[in-house]
């Protein structure tokens, strides 16, 4: 994975899309990424709720690289168009 790659993540049933903006090498031998997420309101609402229930901060700024998946945005768009036209 590299800076500028498109990524996806599913968090508790919330499908998220974003673009890698930074890669950080952790002290634990893992790589972490910072992502610019788009249209991420559902996730933000879920984190606000979780923080309220737990009474502590819960948001993450860095994601371990194995917790996000590379997204071939062109193929995904074409697949969604096919789905839309075939239904």
N, C-alpha and C. Protein backbone atom coordinates (compact mmCIF):
# COMPACT_ATOMS: atom_id res chain seq x y z
N UNK A 1 0.85 -1.17 0.00
CA UNK A 1 0.00 0.00 0.00
C UNK A 1 0.90 1.23 0.00
N UNK A 2 0.42 2.29 -0.68
CA UNK A 2 1.21 3.51 -0.75
C UNK A 2 0.31 4.74 -0.60
N UNK A 3 0.92 5.87 -0.36
CA UNK A 3 0.18 7.12 -0.23
C UNK A 3 -0.58 7.38 -1.53
N UNK A 4 -1.83 7.76 -1.41
CA UNK A 4 -2.68 8.02 -2.57
C UNK A 4 -3.56 6.85 -2.96
N UNK A 5 -3.29 5.66 -2.41
CA UNK A 5 -4.14 4.50 -2.71
C UNK A 5 -5.53 4.69 -2.11
N UNK A 6 -6.53 4.16 -2.80
CA UNK A 6 -7.89 4.13 -2.28
C UNK A 6 -8.04 2.89 -1.42
N UNK A 7 -8.77 3.04 -0.32
CA UNK A 7 -8.96 1.93 0.60
C UNK A 7 -10.42 1.86 1.04
N UNK A 8 -10.76 0.70 1.58
CA UNK A 8 -12.09 0.49 2.15
C UNK A 8 -11.91 -0.20 3.49
N UNK A 9 -12.92 -0.06 4.33
CA UNK A 9 -12.92 -0.72 5.62
C UNK A 9 -14.37 -0.96 6.02
N UNK A 10 -14.61 -2.09 6.63
CA UNK A 10 -15.93 -2.33 7.20
C UNK A 10 -15.76 -2.35 8.72
N UNK A 11 -16.45 -1.44 9.37
CA UNK A 11 -16.39 -1.34 10.82
C UNK A 11 -17.80 -1.54 11.37
N UNK A 12 -18.04 -2.65 12.00
CA UNK A 12 -19.35 -2.96 12.60
C UNK A 12 -20.49 -2.73 11.61
N UNK A 13 -20.30 -3.18 10.38
CA UNK A 13 -21.33 -3.07 9.37
C UNK A 13 -21.35 -1.74 8.63
N UNK A 14 -20.46 -0.82 9.00
CA UNK A 14 -20.38 0.47 8.32
C UNK A 14 -19.27 0.37 7.27
N UNK A 15 -19.64 0.53 6.01
CA UNK A 15 -18.67 0.47 4.93
C UNK A 15 -18.08 1.86 4.73
N UNK A 16 -16.75 1.94 4.84
CA UNK A 16 -16.05 3.21 4.76
C UNK A 16 -15.12 3.21 3.56
N UNK A 17 -14.96 4.39 2.96
CA UNK A 17 -14.06 4.56 1.82
C UNK A 17 -13.15 5.75 2.10
N UNK A 18 -11.89 5.62 1.67
CA UNK A 18 -10.96 6.72 1.88
C UNK A 18 -9.73 6.61 1.01
N UNK A 19 -8.82 7.52 1.26
CA UNK A 19 -7.58 7.61 0.50
C UNK A 19 -6.42 7.73 1.50
N UNK A 20 -5.39 6.92 1.29
CA UNK A 20 -4.23 6.91 2.19
C UNK A 20 -3.49 8.24 2.07
N UNK A 21 -3.27 8.89 3.22
CA UNK A 21 -2.53 10.16 3.18
C UNK A 21 -1.18 10.07 3.87
N UNK A 22 -0.96 9.02 4.65
CA UNK A 22 0.33 8.88 5.33
C UNK A 22 0.52 7.42 5.74
N UNK A 23 1.77 6.99 5.72
CA UNK A 23 2.14 5.65 6.21
C UNK A 23 3.17 5.84 7.31
N UNK A 24 2.94 5.18 8.43
CA UNK A 24 3.80 5.32 9.60
C UNK A 24 4.28 3.92 10.01
N UNK A 25 5.57 3.79 10.24
CA UNK A 25 6.10 2.52 10.74
C UNK A 25 5.98 2.51 12.26
N UNK A 26 5.30 1.49 12.78
CA UNK A 26 5.12 1.39 14.22
C UNK A 26 6.31 0.73 14.89
N UNK A 27 6.40 0.89 16.20
CA UNK A 27 7.48 0.25 16.95
C UNK A 27 7.21 -1.25 17.13
N UNK A 28 6.02 -1.70 16.75
CA UNK A 28 5.63 -3.09 16.89
C UNK A 28 5.79 -3.89 15.60
N UNK A 29 6.56 -3.37 14.66
CA UNK A 29 6.84 -4.01 13.38
C UNK A 29 5.67 -3.96 12.39
N UNK A 30 4.58 -3.30 12.74
CA UNK A 30 3.45 -3.11 11.83
C UNK A 30 3.54 -1.75 11.17
N UNK A 31 2.98 -1.65 9.98
CA UNK A 31 2.81 -0.35 9.33
C UNK A 31 1.40 0.14 9.66
N UNK A 32 1.27 1.43 9.84
CA UNK A 32 -0.02 2.06 10.11
C UNK A 32 -0.26 3.11 9.05
N UNK A 33 -1.54 3.37 8.76
CA UNK A 33 -1.86 4.39 7.77
C UNK A 33 -2.83 5.40 8.35
N UNK A 34 -2.70 6.61 7.87
CA UNK A 34 -3.65 7.68 8.17
C UNK A 34 -4.47 7.85 6.89
N UNK A 35 -5.78 7.90 7.04
CA UNK A 35 -6.68 7.88 5.89
C UNK A 35 -7.58 9.12 5.92
N UNK A 36 -7.79 9.71 4.75
CA UNK A 36 -8.83 10.72 4.58
C UNK A 36 -10.11 9.96 4.20
N UNK A 37 -11.01 9.81 5.14
CA UNK A 37 -12.27 9.11 4.89
C UNK A 37 -13.27 10.08 4.28
N UNK A 38 -14.15 9.58 3.41
CA UNK A 38 -15.17 10.43 2.78
C UNK A 38 -16.56 9.96 3.17
N UNK A 39 -17.49 10.91 3.25
CA UNK A 39 -18.88 10.61 3.62
C UNK A 39 -18.93 9.64 4.80
N UNK A 40 -18.27 10.01 5.86
CA UNK A 40 -18.04 9.10 6.99
C UNK A 40 -18.95 9.39 8.18
N UNK A 41 -20.10 9.99 7.92
CA UNK A 41 -20.97 10.43 9.01
C UNK A 41 -21.46 9.27 9.89
N UNK A 42 -21.81 8.14 9.28
CA UNK A 42 -22.31 7.00 10.08
C UNK A 42 -21.25 6.52 11.06
N UNK A 43 -20.01 6.43 10.60
CA UNK A 43 -18.93 6.02 11.49
C UNK A 43 -18.74 7.04 12.61
N UNK A 44 -18.73 8.31 12.26
CA UNK A 44 -18.55 9.37 13.27
C UNK A 44 -19.67 9.32 14.30
N UNK A 45 -20.90 9.09 13.86
CA UNK A 45 -22.02 8.97 14.79
C UNK A 45 -21.84 7.77 15.72
N UNK A 46 -21.37 6.67 15.16
CA UNK A 46 -21.13 5.47 15.96
C UNK A 46 -20.05 5.72 17.01
N UNK A 47 -19.00 6.45 16.64
CA UNK A 47 -17.92 6.74 17.59
C UNK A 47 -18.40 7.70 18.68
N UNK A 48 -19.22 8.68 18.31
CA UNK A 48 -19.78 9.60 19.30
C UNK A 48 -20.62 8.82 20.32
N UNK A 49 -21.44 7.90 19.83
CA UNK A 49 -22.27 7.08 20.71
C UNK A 49 -21.39 6.22 21.61
N UNK A 50 -20.37 5.57 21.04
CA UNK A 50 -19.50 4.69 21.81
C UNK A 50 -18.75 5.47 22.89
N UNK A 51 -18.28 6.67 22.56
CA UNK A 51 -17.58 7.49 23.54
C UNK A 51 -18.52 7.92 24.66
N UNK A 52 -19.77 8.19 24.32
CA UNK A 52 -20.75 8.58 25.33
C UNK A 52 -21.01 7.41 26.29
N UNK A 53 -21.17 6.22 25.74
CA UNK A 53 -21.45 5.03 26.56
C UNK A 53 -20.24 4.68 27.43
N UNK A 54 -19.06 4.71 26.84
CA UNK A 54 -17.84 4.32 27.57
C UNK A 54 -17.28 5.43 28.45
N UNK A 55 -17.72 6.66 28.18
CA UNK A 55 -17.24 7.83 28.94
C UNK A 55 -15.72 7.98 28.81
N UNK A 56 -15.22 7.71 27.60
CA UNK A 56 -13.80 7.89 27.31
C UNK A 56 -13.60 8.02 25.81
N UNK A 57 -12.50 8.65 25.39
CA UNK A 57 -12.23 8.78 23.94
C UNK A 57 -12.04 7.40 23.30
N UNK A 58 -12.49 7.27 22.06
CA UNK A 58 -12.39 5.98 21.38
C UNK A 58 -11.89 6.11 19.94
N UNK A 59 -11.85 7.30 19.40
CA UNK A 59 -11.52 7.49 17.99
C UNK A 59 -10.06 7.15 17.70
N UNK A 60 -9.83 6.66 16.48
CA UNK A 60 -8.49 6.34 16.03
C UNK A 60 -8.10 7.28 14.90
N UNK A 61 -6.82 7.59 14.85
CA UNK A 61 -6.29 8.41 13.76
C UNK A 61 -5.44 7.56 12.82
N UNK A 62 -4.83 6.51 13.39
CA UNK A 62 -4.00 5.60 12.60
C UNK A 62 -4.64 4.21 12.59
N UNK A 63 -4.55 3.56 11.45
CA UNK A 63 -5.11 2.22 11.30
C UNK A 63 -4.01 1.25 10.93
N UNK A 64 -3.96 0.12 11.63
CA UNK A 64 -2.98 -0.89 11.25
C UNK A 64 -3.30 -1.35 9.84
N UNK A 65 -2.28 -1.51 9.05
CA UNK A 65 -2.43 -1.70 7.61
C UNK A 65 -3.28 -2.93 7.26
N UNK A 66 -3.35 -3.91 8.14
CA UNK A 66 -4.17 -5.09 7.85
C UNK A 66 -5.64 -4.88 8.20
N UNK A 67 -5.98 -3.72 8.75
CA UNK A 67 -7.37 -3.43 9.10
C UNK A 67 -8.10 -2.65 8.01
N UNK A 68 -7.41 -2.34 6.93
CA UNK A 68 -8.05 -1.71 5.77
C UNK A 68 -7.67 -2.52 4.53
N UNK A 69 -8.48 -2.43 3.51
CA UNK A 69 -8.24 -3.18 2.27
C UNK A 69 -8.09 -2.21 1.11
N UNK A 70 -7.20 -2.59 0.20
CA UNK A 70 -7.02 -1.80 -1.02
C UNK A 70 -8.32 -1.81 -1.82
N UNK A 71 -8.64 -0.71 -2.46
CA UNK A 71 -9.87 -0.58 -3.25
C UNK A 71 -9.50 -0.21 -4.68
N UNK A 72 -9.87 -1.08 -5.61
CA UNK A 72 -9.73 -0.76 -7.03
C UNK A 72 -10.97 0.04 -7.40
N UNK A 73 -10.85 1.36 -7.33
CA UNK A 73 -12.01 2.23 -7.45
C UNK A 73 -12.68 2.12 -8.82
N UNK A 74 -11.90 2.01 -9.89
CA UNK A 74 -12.49 1.91 -11.23
C UNK A 74 -13.30 0.63 -11.38
N UNK A 75 -12.74 -0.50 -10.93
CA UNK A 75 -13.46 -1.77 -11.02
C UNK A 75 -14.71 -1.75 -10.15
N UNK A 76 -14.60 -1.17 -8.98
CA UNK A 76 -15.75 -1.10 -8.07
C UNK A 76 -16.87 -0.27 -8.68
N UNK A 77 -16.53 0.85 -9.28
CA UNK A 77 -17.55 1.70 -9.92
C UNK A 77 -18.22 0.94 -11.06
N UNK A 78 -17.44 0.28 -11.89
CA UNK A 78 -18.01 -0.48 -13.01
C UNK A 78 -18.92 -1.60 -12.52
N UNK A 79 -18.52 -2.27 -11.45
CA UNK A 79 -19.35 -3.34 -10.88
C UNK A 79 -20.66 -2.78 -10.34
N UNK A 80 -20.61 -1.64 -9.67
CA UNK A 80 -21.82 -1.03 -9.14
C UNK A 80 -22.75 -0.56 -10.26
N UNK A 81 -22.19 -0.06 -11.33
CA UNK A 81 -23.00 0.35 -12.49
C UNK A 81 -23.69 -0.87 -13.09
N UNK A 82 -22.96 -1.99 -13.22
CA UNK A 82 -23.56 -3.22 -13.73
C UNK A 82 -24.70 -3.67 -12.83
N UNK A 83 -24.46 -3.61 -11.51
CA UNK A 83 -25.50 -4.00 -10.56
C UNK A 83 -26.72 -3.12 -10.72
N UNK A 84 -26.54 -1.83 -10.82
CA UNK A 84 -27.64 -0.90 -10.95
C UNK A 84 -28.42 -1.15 -12.24
N UNK A 85 -27.73 -1.45 -13.32
CA UNK A 85 -28.40 -1.65 -14.61
C UNK A 85 -29.06 -3.01 -14.76
N UNK A 86 -28.66 -3.96 -13.94
CA UNK A 86 -29.21 -5.31 -14.05
C UNK A 86 -30.32 -5.61 -13.07
N UNK A 87 -30.62 -4.69 -12.21
CA UNK A 87 -31.64 -4.95 -11.18
C UNK A 87 -32.98 -4.44 -11.66
